[in-house]
Amino acid sequence: MAKVRRAVAYRTIERPYTRTSKYRNKQFVRAKPHNKIVKFVMGNTKKEFLYTVMLKAKDTLQIRHQALESARLTSNRLLESKCGKQSYKLLIKPYPHHILRENPLAAGAGADRMSTGMQKAFGKPVGLAAQIKKGQILIEVSVDEAHIETARKAMNRAKHKFACSCSIEVKKN
């Protein structure tokens, strides 16, 4: 199975490419890749909580959908086991709109006869990414006072899944 390219390859923000058309020949990207993020809101969505713990980005960059899903899984697992399903609300803020493209070039012997080089080098879609600005909220967890420390731990776990440095802030609602 082919490996995913390192996040460094997609860090810089470029013009967001989201063009899809109802006419197939008018769109350059023939198929949009499947979004790996399963849920954007988890926990108790109806209850109002006293505190909100936020994970904010310190850099401007693109974050792939695999990283967002990985951060969601690890933080949700900790919150669910320590707090219970009804005592928190987890919210993933950014949505991965941008389509990442890759122009595969063959390497090794005989590669000059296989690839087209930079002719028609638009690339095939390989994934999705959310474009993040400096100071934007990535993940938000709403909890009561008893579970603030657990929410901080969950945000710390999620922080390690992203390719940027993040800050954790606690706000009283």
C-alpha atoms as a PDB file:
ATOM      1  CA  MET A   1       0.000   0.000   0.000  1.00  0.00           C
ATOM      2  CA  ALA A   2       1.269   3.474  -0.842  1.00  0.00           C
ATOM      3  CA  LYS A   3       2.279   5.655   2.074  1.00  0.00           C
ATOM      4  CA  VAL A   4       0.869   9.107   2.721  1.00  0.00           C
ATOM      5  CA  ARG A   5       3.307  11.916   1.974  1.00  0.00           C
ATOM      6  CA  ARG A   6       4.733  13.808   4.941  1.00  0.00           C
ATOM      7  CA  ALA A   7       2.726  16.833   6.129  1.00  0.00           C
ATOM      8  CA  VAL A   8       5.580  19.175   5.180  1.00  0.00           C
ATOM      9  CA  ALA A   9       4.671  18.664   1.524  1.00  0.00           C
ATOM     10  CA  TYR A  10       1.288  20.364   2.050  1.00  0.00           C
ATOM     11  CA  ARG A  11       1.990  22.966   4.781  1.00  0.00           C
ATOM     12  CA  THR A  12       1.933  26.159   2.713  1.00  0.00           C
ATOM     13  CA  ILE A  13      -1.440  27.666   1.965  1.00  0.00           C
ATOM     14  CA  GLU A  14      -2.166  27.961  -1.717  1.00  0.00           C
ATOM     15  CA  ARG A  15      -5.279  29.031  -3.544  1.00  0.00           C
ATOM     16  CA  PRO A  16      -8.043  26.724  -2.283  1.00  0.00           C
ATOM     17  CA  TYR A  17      -9.037  24.307  -4.988  1.00  0.00           C
ATOM     18  CA  THR A  18     -12.616  23.166  -4.588  1.00  0.00           C
ATOM     19  CA  ARG A  19     -13.980  23.337  -8.129  1.00  0.00           C
ATOM     20  CA  THR A  20     -16.540  20.695  -8.893  1.00  0.00           C
ATOM     21  CA  SER A  21     -19.119  21.139 -11.615  1.00  0.00           C
ATOM     22  CA  LYS A  22     -22.253  19.290 -12.628  1.00  0.00           C
ATOM     23  CA  TYR A  23     -20.655  19.042 -16.092  1.00  0.00           C
ATOM     24  CA  ARG A  24     -17.814  16.548 -15.897  1.00  0.00           C
ATOM     25  CA  ASN A  25     -15.686  18.094 -18.646  1.00  0.00           C
ATOM     26  CA  LYS A  26     -15.746  21.519 -16.930  1.00  0.00           C
ATOM     27  CA  GLN A  27     -14.057  20.325 -13.763  1.00  0.00           C
ATOM     28  CA  PHE A  28     -10.362  19.576 -13.593  1.00  0.00           C
ATOM     29  CA  VAL A  29     -10.558  17.300 -10.574  1.00  0.00           C
ATOM     30  CA  ARG A  30     -12.562  14.322 -11.762  1.00  0.00           C
ATOM     31  CA  ALA A  31     -13.362  12.862  -8.352  1.00  0.00           C
ATOM     32  CA  LYS A  32     -13.277  14.394  -4.892  1.00  0.00           C
ATOM     33  CA  PRO A  33     -11.494  12.172  -2.337  1.00  0.00           C
ATOM     34  CA  HIS A  34     -13.541  10.741   0.498  1.00  0.00           C
ATOM     35  CA  ASN A  35     -13.454  12.763   3.743  1.00  0.00           C
ATOM     36  CA  LYS A  36     -11.984  10.671   6.589  1.00  0.00           C
ATOM     37  CA  ILE A  37     -13.586  12.715   9.389  1.00  0.00           C
ATOM     38  CA  VAL A  38     -16.514  10.636  10.652  1.00  0.00           C
ATOM     39  CA  LYS A  39     -18.174  13.129  13.038  1.00  0.00           C
ATOM     40  CA  PHE A  40     -17.656  16.798  13.763  1.00  0.00           C
ATOM     41  CA  VAL A  41     -19.728  16.961  16.987  1.00  0.00           C
ATOM     42  CA  MET A  42     -19.550  14.342  19.758  1.00  0.00           C
ATOM     43  CA  GLY A  43     -20.808  13.946  23.305  1.00  0.00           C
ATOM     44  CA  ASN A  44     -23.841  15.678  24.799  1.00  0.00           C
ATOM     45  CA  THR A  45     -24.947  18.264  22.237  1.00  0.00           C
ATOM     46  CA  LYS A  46     -27.997  19.535  24.141  1.00  0.00           C
ATOM     47  CA  LYS A  47     -26.494  20.467  27.523  1.00  0.00           C
ATOM     48  CA  GLU A  48     -24.976  23.910  28.264  1.00  0.00           C
ATOM     49  CA  PHE A  49     -21.569  23.574  29.941  1.00  0.00           C
ATOM     50  CA  LEU A  50     -19.778  26.119  32.158  1.00  0.00           C
ATOM     51  CA  TYR A  51     -16.272  25.931  30.647  1.00  0.00           C
ATOM     52  CA  THR A  52     -14.831  25.656  27.154  1.00  0.00           C
ATOM     53  CA  VAL A  53     -11.321  24.334  26.484  1.00  0.00           C
ATOM     54  CA  MET A  54     -10.016  25.400  23.053  1.00  0.00           C
ATOM     55  CA  LEU A  55      -7.079  24.281  20.933  1.00  0.00           C
ATOM     56  CA  LYS A  56      -5.764  27.215  18.851  1.00  0.00           C
ATOM     57  CA  ALA A  57      -3.227  27.096  16.020  1.00  0.00           C
ATOM     58  CA  LYS A  58      -0.114  29.271  16.357  1.00  0.00           C
ATOM     59  CA  ASP A  59       0.780  29.059  12.647  1.00  0.00           C
ATOM     60  CA  THR A  60      -0.905  29.454   9.270  1.00  0.00           C
ATOM     61  CA  LEU A  61      -0.903  26.118   7.442  1.00  0.00           C
ATOM     62  CA  GLN A  62      -2.956  23.305   5.922  1.00  0.00           C
ATOM     63  CA  ILE A  63      -4.010  20.351   8.060  1.00  0.00           C
ATOM     64  CA  ARG A  64      -4.958  17.134   6.298  1.00  0.00           C
ATOM     65  CA  HIS A  65      -8.179  15.291   7.064  1.00  0.00           C
ATOM     66  CA  GLN A  66      -6.228  12.278   8.385  1.00  0.00           C
ATOM     67  CA  ALA A  67      -4.653  14.466  11.091  1.00  0.00           C
ATOM     68  CA  LEU A  68      -8.014  15.971  12.076  1.00  0.00           C
ATOM     69  CA  GLU A  69      -9.583  12.515  12.350  1.00  0.00           C
ATOM     70  CA  SER A  70      -6.641  11.189  14.358  1.00  0.00           C
ATOM     71  CA  ALA A  71      -6.893  14.111  16.806  1.00  0.00           C
ATOM     72  CA  ARG A  72     -10.645  13.572  17.113  1.00  0.00           C
ATOM     73  CA  LEU A  73     -10.228   9.867  17.865  1.00  0.00           C
ATOM     74  CA  THR A  74      -7.578  10.241  20.548  1.00  0.00           C
ATOM     75  CA  SER A  75      -9.255  13.133  22.383  1.00  0.00           C
ATOM     76  CA  ASN A  76     -12.750  11.636  22.184  1.00  0.00           C
ATOM     77  CA  ARG A  77     -11.509   8.281  23.504  1.00  0.00           C
ATOM     78  CA  LEU A  78      -9.973   9.933  26.584  1.00  0.00           C
ATOM     79  CA  LEU A  79     -13.008  12.129  27.273  1.00  0.00           C
ATOM     80  CA  GLU A  80     -15.436   9.232  26.876  1.00  0.00           C
ATOM     81  CA  SER A  81     -13.513   6.949  29.239  1.00  0.00           C
ATOM     82  CA  LYS A  82     -12.771   9.527  31.969  1.00  0.00           C
ATOM     83  CA  CYS A  83     -15.855  11.793  31.865  1.00  0.00           C
ATOM     84  CA  GLY A  84     -18.613   9.624  30.425  1.00  0.00           C
ATOM     85  CA  LYS A  85     -20.636  10.188  27.267  1.00  0.00           C
ATOM     86  CA  GLN A  86     -23.004  12.791  28.733  1.00  0.00           C
ATOM     87  CA  SER A  87     -20.573  15.155  30.489  1.00  0.00           C
ATOM     88  CA  TYR A  88     -18.742  16.792  27.559  1.00  0.00           C
ATOM     89  CA  LYS A  89     -19.244  18.194  24.073  1.00  0.00           C
ATOM     90  CA  LEU A  90     -16.407  17.899  21.528  1.00  0.00           C
ATOM     91  CA  LEU A  91     -16.494  20.024  18.387  1.00  0.00           C
ATOM     92  CA  ILE A  92     -14.122  19.862  15.397  1.00  0.00           C
ATOM     93  CA  LYS A  93     -14.151  23.393  13.935  1.00  0.00           C
ATOM     94  CA  PRO A  94     -12.311  23.362  10.540  1.00  0.00           C
ATOM     95  CA  TYR A  95     -13.727  21.554   7.521  1.00  0.00           C
ATOM     96  CA  PRO A  96     -11.321  20.147   4.903  1.00  0.00           C
ATOM     97  CA  HIS A  97     -12.462  21.801   1.651  1.00  0.00           C
ATOM     98  CA  HIS A  98      -9.150  22.037  -0.194  1.00  0.00           C
ATOM     99  CA  ILE A  99      -8.322  19.170  -2.557  1.00  0.00           C
ATOM    100  CA  LEU A 100      -4.660  18.135  -2.435  1.00  0.00           C
ATOM    101  CA  ARG A 101      -3.167  17.084  -5.765  1.00  0.00           C
ATOM    102  CA  GLU A 102      -0.039  15.166  -6.662  1.00  0.00           C
ATOM    103  CA  ASN A 103       1.726  14.769  -9.992  1.00  0.00           C
ATOM    104  CA  PRO A 104       3.280  11.318  -9.674  1.00  0.00           C
ATOM    105  CA  LEU A 105       6.627  11.006 -11.394  1.00  0.00           C
ATOM    106  CA  ALA A 106       8.259   7.626 -11.834  1.00  0.00           C
ATOM    107  CA  ALA A 107      11.777   7.198 -10.503  1.00  0.00           C
ATOM    108  CA  GLY A 108      14.418   4.710 -11.474  1.00  0.00           C
ATOM    109  CA  ALA A 109      15.488   3.062 -14.702  1.00  0.00           C
ATOM    110  CA  GLY A 110      13.243   3.715 -17.691  1.00  0.00           C
ATOM    111  CA  ALA A 111      11.336   6.524 -15.999  1.00  0.00           C
ATOM    112  CA  ASP A 112      11.792   8.832 -18.978  1.00  0.00           C
ATOM    113  CA  ARG A 113       9.570   6.578 -21.081  1.00  0.00           C
ATOM    114  CA  MET A 114       6.782   6.315 -18.501  1.00  0.00           C
ATOM    115  CA  SER A 115       5.904   9.780 -17.175  1.00  0.00           C
ATOM    116  CA  THR A 116       4.876  12.943 -18.989  1.00  0.00           C
ATOM    117  CA  GLY A 117       7.009  15.261 -16.852  1.00  0.00           C
ATOM    118  CA  MET A 118       5.438  18.708 -16.494  1.00  0.00           C
ATOM    119  CA  GLN A 119       3.120  18.307 -19.467  1.00  0.00           C
ATOM    120  CA  LYS A 120      -0.478  18.155 -18.109  1.00  0.00           C
ATOM    121  CA  ALA A 121       0.928  18.354 -14.585  1.00  0.00           C
ATOM    122  CA  PHE A 122      -2.287  19.338 -12.780  1.00  0.00           C
ATOM    123  CA  GLY A 123      -2.114  16.187 -10.680  1.00  0.00           C
ATOM    124  CA  LYS A 124      -4.500  13.610  -9.318  1.00  0.00           C
ATOM    125  CA  PRO A 125      -6.414  14.183  -6.060  1.00  0.00           C
ATOM    126  CA  VAL A 126      -4.732  12.450  -3.122  1.00  0.00           C
ATOM    127  CA  GLY A 127      -6.578  13.908  -0.136  1.00  0.00           C
ATOM    128  CA  LEU A 128      -8.309  16.843   1.519  1.00  0.00           C
ATOM    129  CA  ALA A 129      -6.989  19.601   3.754  1.00  0.00           C
ATOM    130  CA  ALA A 130      -8.392  22.361   5.945  1.00  0.00           C
ATOM    131  CA  GLN A 131      -6.708  25.723   5.530  1.00  0.00           C
ATOM    132  CA  ILE A 132      -5.938  27.118   8.982  1.00  0.00           C
ATOM    133  CA  LYS A 133      -5.096  30.728   9.855  1.00  0.00           C
ATOM    134  CA  LYS A 134      -2.977  31.793  12.831  1.00  0.00           C
ATOM    135  CA  GLY A 135      -5.129  31.928  15.982  1.00  0.00           C
ATOM    136  CA  GLN A 136      -7.972  29.828  14.537  1.00  0.00           C
ATOM    137  CA  ILE A 137      -9.722  27.352  16.850  1.00  0.00           C
ATOM    138  CA  LEU A 138      -9.153  23.745  15.781  1.00  0.00           C
ATOM    139  CA  ILE A 139     -10.993  21.778  18.492  1.00  0.00           C
ATOM    140  CA  GLU A 140     -13.374  22.932  21.204  1.00  0.00           C
ATOM    141  CA  VAL A 141     -14.414  20.911  24.269  1.00  0.00           C
ATOM    142  CA  SER A 142     -17.212  22.109  26.556  1.00  0.00           C
ATOM    143  CA  VAL A 143     -17.188  20.622  30.076  1.00  0.00           C
ATOM    144  CA  ASP A 144     -18.191  21.381  33.652  1.00  0.00           C
ATOM    145  CA  GLU A 145     -15.663  22.450  36.300  1.00  0.00           C
ATOM    146  CA  ALA A 146     -14.958  18.895  37.501  1.00  0.00           C
ATOM    147  CA  HIS A 147     -13.645  17.768  34.100  1.00  0.00           C
ATOM    148  CA  ILE A 148     -11.456  20.732  33.055  1.00  0.00           C
ATOM    149  CA  GLU A 149      -8.204  18.868  33.696  1.00  0.00           C
ATOM    150  CA  THR A 150      -9.349  15.867  31.635  1.00  0.00           C
ATOM    151  CA  ALA A 151     -10.316  18.193  28.772  1.00  0.00           C
ATOM    152  CA  ARG A 152      -6.846  19.791  28.937  1.00  0.00           C
ATOM    153  CA  LYS A 153      -5.238  16.339  28.697  1.00  0.00           C
ATOM    154  CA  ALA A 154      -7.451  15.488  25.722  1.00  0.00           C
ATOM    155  CA  MET A 155      -6.439  18.729  23.957  1.00  0.00           C
ATOM    156  CA  ASN A 156      -2.784  18.008  24.715  1.00  0.00           C
ATOM    157  CA  ARG A 157      -3.121  14.597  23.056  1.00  0.00           C
ATOM    158  CA  ALA A 158      -4.825  16.146  20.026  1.00  0.00           C
ATOM    159  CA  LYS A 159      -2.123  18.827  19.807  1.00  0.00           C
ATOM    160  CA  HIS A 160       0.534  16.207  19.030  1.00  0.00           C
ATOM    161  CA  LYS A 161      -1.372  15.031  15.943  1.00  0.00           C
ATOM    162  CA  PHE A 162      -0.990  18.366  14.124  1.00  0.00           C
ATOM    163  CA  ALA A 163       2.039  19.624  12.204  1.00  0.00           C
ATOM    164  CA  CYS A 164       1.956  23.015  13.942  1.00  0.00           C
ATOM    165  CA  SER A 165       2.386  24.296  17.471  1.00  0.00           C
ATOM    166  CA  CYS A 166      -0.902  24.892  19.265  1.00  0.00           C
ATOM    167  CA  SER A 167      -2.024  26.603  22.448  1.00  0.00           C
ATOM    168  CA  ILE A 168      -4.679  25.427  24.904  1.00  0.00           C
ATOM    169  CA  GLU A 169      -7.042  28.044  26.346  1.00  0.00           C
ATOM    170  CA  VAL A 170      -9.792  27.729  28.956  1.00  0.00           C
ATOM    171  CA  LYS A 171     -12.756  30.086  28.800  1.00  0.00           C
ATOM    172  CA  LYS A 172     -15.683  30.421  31.195  1.00  0.00           C
ATOM    173  CA  ASN A 173     -19.043  30.584  29.401  1.00  0.00           C
END
